[in-house]
Amino acid sequence: MNGANSRKGQSPFYGSDTIALVDLNYTLVENSPKWGAPKIYPFIRQIEQETYRQWLVDFLRDKYAILITARPQKYREATLERIKLLTDWQPQEAYFAEISAPPPEIKEHLLLNYIFPKHGRNGEDYFGIESNPKTRAMYLRYGIKSLRAEDFKKQTVDKFGLT
């Protein structure tokens, strides 16, 4: 890291090479179903109805972004195609669930088996934009700071005018 992130009040992305760990459902996906709402079957229909937070896509366009999701691997291609179709953007890397487990465990598996081996284990090199509080707690155990999308927008994007 170049030290830009250590200045008090500074955006974790301003003038740095921080890697964004971006959650899919309830973060990048703008219209995720409400908790307890009836599920849409087959699941591919839900993907076909997804929309994405344009402010977040615009923010991430010139950043190194890794999509990290508990969505099963079998939906990877359809999900990435939908994101590209609606936003004309793609993350530099995308990791989907390979194991059946709760989201924090899935994401820890992806972090330990793919992301850390490729990019290093220094938590300060990453920043999570993550909806799940248990996943944010897991990130913190590795020294990775993270925020919910709404909080990230208020504390970083809006505050520093970064889109």
Protein backbone atom coordinates (compact mmCIF):
# COMPACT_ATOMS: atom_id res chain seq x y z
CA MET A 1 0.00 0.00 0.00
CA ASN A 2 1.15 3.52 -0.69
CA GLY A 3 -0.01 5.07 2.59
CA ALA A 4 -2.95 6.95 1.08
CA ASN A 5 -5.34 4.83 3.11
CA SER A 6 -3.76 5.70 6.43
CA ARG A 7 -4.70 9.40 6.38
CA LYS A 8 -7.52 10.07 8.81
CA GLY A 9 -10.87 10.61 7.08
CA GLN A 10 -9.53 9.54 3.71
CA SER A 11 -11.44 7.22 1.42
CA PRO A 12 -9.99 3.71 1.36
CA PHE A 13 -9.87 4.03 -2.44
CA TYR A 14 -8.60 7.56 -2.91
CA GLY A 15 -5.18 7.44 -4.50
CA SER A 16 -4.60 3.81 -3.65
CA ASP A 17 -4.44 0.37 -5.17
CA THR A 18 -6.97 -1.13 -2.75
CA ILE A 19 -8.80 -4.20 -4.03
CA ALA A 20 -12.57 -4.03 -3.65
CA LEU A 21 -14.23 -7.23 -2.45
CA VAL A 22 -17.77 -6.75 -3.74
CA ASP A 23 -20.76 -8.73 -2.48
CA LEU A 24 -23.44 -9.57 -5.05
CA ASN A 25 -26.86 -10.01 -3.40
CA TYR A 26 -28.09 -7.02 -1.38
CA THR A 27 -24.97 -5.05 -2.40
CA LEU A 28 -24.34 -4.93 -6.15
CA VAL A 29 -27.85 -6.24 -6.85
CA GLU A 30 -30.17 -3.29 -6.31
CA ASN A 31 -33.43 -5.24 -6.27
CA SER A 32 -32.56 -8.34 -4.22
CA PRO A 33 -35.73 -10.01 -2.88
CA LYS A 34 -36.73 -8.90 0.60
CA TRP A 35 -35.99 -11.40 3.38
CA GLY A 36 -38.91 -13.83 3.62
CA ALA A 37 -40.30 -12.96 0.17
CA PRO A 38 -41.31 -15.90 -2.03
CA LYS A 39 -38.40 -17.26 -4.03
CA ILE A 40 -38.42 -16.98 -7.81
CA TYR A 41 -38.09 -20.32 -9.60
CA PRO A 42 -36.25 -21.32 -11.60
CA PHE A 43 -33.45 -19.18 -10.14
CA ILE A 44 -32.33 -18.08 -13.59
CA ARG A 45 -35.55 -16.01 -13.74
CA GLN A 46 -34.41 -14.08 -10.69
CA ILE A 47 -31.10 -13.34 -12.39
CA GLU A 48 -33.00 -12.15 -15.49
CA GLN A 49 -34.88 -9.65 -13.29
CA GLU A 50 -31.87 -8.32 -11.40
CA THR A 51 -30.81 -4.70 -11.62
CA TYR A 52 -27.58 -3.29 -10.26
CA ARG A 53 -26.63 -0.22 -8.24
CA GLN A 54 -25.44 2.15 -10.93
CA TRP A 55 -23.60 4.41 -8.47
CA LEU A 56 -21.59 1.40 -7.27
CA VAL A 57 -20.81 0.23 -10.81
CA ASP A 58 -19.72 3.76 -11.74
CA PHE A 59 -17.49 3.91 -8.66
CA LEU A 60 -15.91 0.52 -9.42
CA ARG A 61 -15.25 1.13 -13.14
CA ASP A 62 -11.66 2.26 -12.63
CA LYS A 63 -10.97 0.15 -9.52
CA TYR A 64 -9.71 -3.40 -9.14
CA ALA A 65 -12.90 -5.21 -8.14
CA ILE A 66 -13.39 -8.83 -7.15
CA LEU A 67 -16.97 -10.07 -7.07
CA ILE A 68 -17.22 -12.57 -4.21
CA THR A 69 -20.56 -14.27 -3.77
CA ALA A 70 -22.34 -17.16 -2.09
CA ARG A 71 -24.30 -17.65 -5.33
CA PRO A 72 -23.57 -21.13 -6.71
CA GLN A 73 -20.90 -21.48 -9.38
CA LYS A 74 -23.46 -22.84 -11.87
CA TYR A 75 -24.95 -19.30 -12.14
CA ARG A 76 -21.61 -17.59 -12.79
CA GLU A 77 -21.94 -17.18 -16.55
CA ALA A 78 -25.57 -15.98 -16.47
CA THR A 79 -24.82 -13.54 -13.64
CA LEU A 80 -21.76 -12.01 -15.27
CA GLU A 81 -23.56 -11.75 -18.63
CA ARG A 82 -26.48 -9.93 -16.96
CA ILE A 83 -24.13 -7.49 -15.20
CA LYS A 84 -22.33 -6.78 -18.47
CA LEU A 85 -25.60 -6.36 -20.39
CA LEU A 86 -27.07 -3.82 -17.96
CA THR A 87 -23.95 -1.95 -16.88
CA ASP A 88 -21.29 -2.46 -19.56
CA TRP A 89 -18.95 -3.35 -16.69
CA GLN A 90 -17.30 -6.50 -15.37
CA PRO A 91 -15.24 -7.12 -12.25
CA GLN A 92 -11.62 -8.07 -12.84
CA GLU A 93 -12.26 -11.34 -11.01
CA ALA A 94 -15.40 -13.17 -9.87
CA TYR A 95 -15.67 -16.02 -7.41
CA PHE A 96 -18.87 -18.01 -6.87
CA ALA A 97 -19.69 -20.64 -4.26
CA GLU A 98 -18.02 -24.00 -4.72
CA ILE A 99 -19.08 -25.39 -1.35
CA SER A 100 -22.44 -25.64 0.38
CA ALA A 101 -22.15 -23.55 3.55
CA PRO A 102 -23.36 -20.26 5.06
CA PRO A 103 -22.19 -17.17 3.10
CA PRO A 104 -19.39 -16.17 5.51
CA GLU A 105 -17.87 -19.66 5.27
CA ILE A 106 -18.20 -19.70 1.48
CA LYS A 107 -16.49 -16.34 1.20
CA GLU A 108 -13.75 -17.32 3.65
CA HIS A 109 -13.11 -20.41 1.51
CA LEU A 110 -12.84 -18.23 -1.62
CA LEU A 111 -10.62 -15.71 0.17
CA LEU A 112 -8.21 -18.36 1.47
CA ASN A 113 -8.10 -20.54 -1.65
CA TYR A 114 -8.12 -17.97 -4.46
CA ILE A 115 -7.85 -14.33 -3.46
CA PHE A 116 -5.09 -14.44 -0.82
CA PRO A 117 -2.86 -16.80 -2.84
CA LYS A 118 -3.10 -14.43 -5.83
CA HIS A 119 -3.05 -11.00 -4.12
CA GLY A 120 -1.51 -11.60 -0.68
CA ARG A 121 -2.83 -11.81 2.88
CA ASN A 122 -2.41 -8.17 3.94
CA GLY A 123 -5.91 -7.13 4.98
CA GLU A 124 -5.05 -3.47 4.40
CA ASP A 125 -4.82 -4.21 0.67
CA TYR A 126 -8.56 -4.94 0.55
CA PHE A 127 -11.84 -3.25 1.32
CA GLY A 128 -15.16 -5.10 1.46
CA ILE A 129 -18.50 -3.78 0.29
CA GLU A 130 -20.65 -6.41 1.96
CA SER A 131 -24.26 -6.78 3.12
CA ASN A 132 -23.85 -9.66 5.58
CA PRO A 133 -22.70 -8.63 9.08
CA LYS A 134 -21.22 -12.10 9.72
CA THR A 135 -19.16 -11.85 6.54
CA ARG A 136 -18.00 -8.36 7.56
CA ALA A 137 -16.92 -9.84 10.91
CA MET A 138 -15.03 -12.62 9.09
CA TYR A 139 -13.28 -10.02 6.91
CA LEU A 140 -12.28 -8.10 10.04
CA ARG A 141 -10.58 -11.22 11.44
CA TYR A 142 -8.25 -10.94 8.42
CA GLY A 143 -7.76 -7.20 8.89
CA ILE A 144 -10.13 -6.28 6.05
CA LYS A 145 -12.34 -3.28 6.70
CA SER A 146 -15.80 -3.39 5.14
CA LEU A 147 -19.11 -1.56 5.02
CA ARG A 148 -22.65 -2.17 3.80
CA ALA A 149 -23.24 -0.59 0.38
CA GLU A 150 -25.47 2.14 1.82
CA ASP A 151 -22.91 3.08 4.47
CA PHE A 152 -20.08 2.91 1.95
CA LYS A 153 -21.96 5.31 -0.32
CA LYS A 154 -22.53 7.81 2.51
CA GLN A 155 -19.05 7.57 4.03
CA THR A 156 -16.99 7.35 0.87
CA VAL A 157 -18.68 7.93 -2.46
CA ASP A 158 -20.91 10.85 -1.42
CA LYS A 159 -18.40 12.33 1.05
CA PHE A 160 -15.53 12.43 -1.41
CA GLY A 161 -17.53 12.76 -4.65
CA LEU A 162 -15.85 9.67 -6.04
CA THR A 163 -18.25 8.56 -8.78
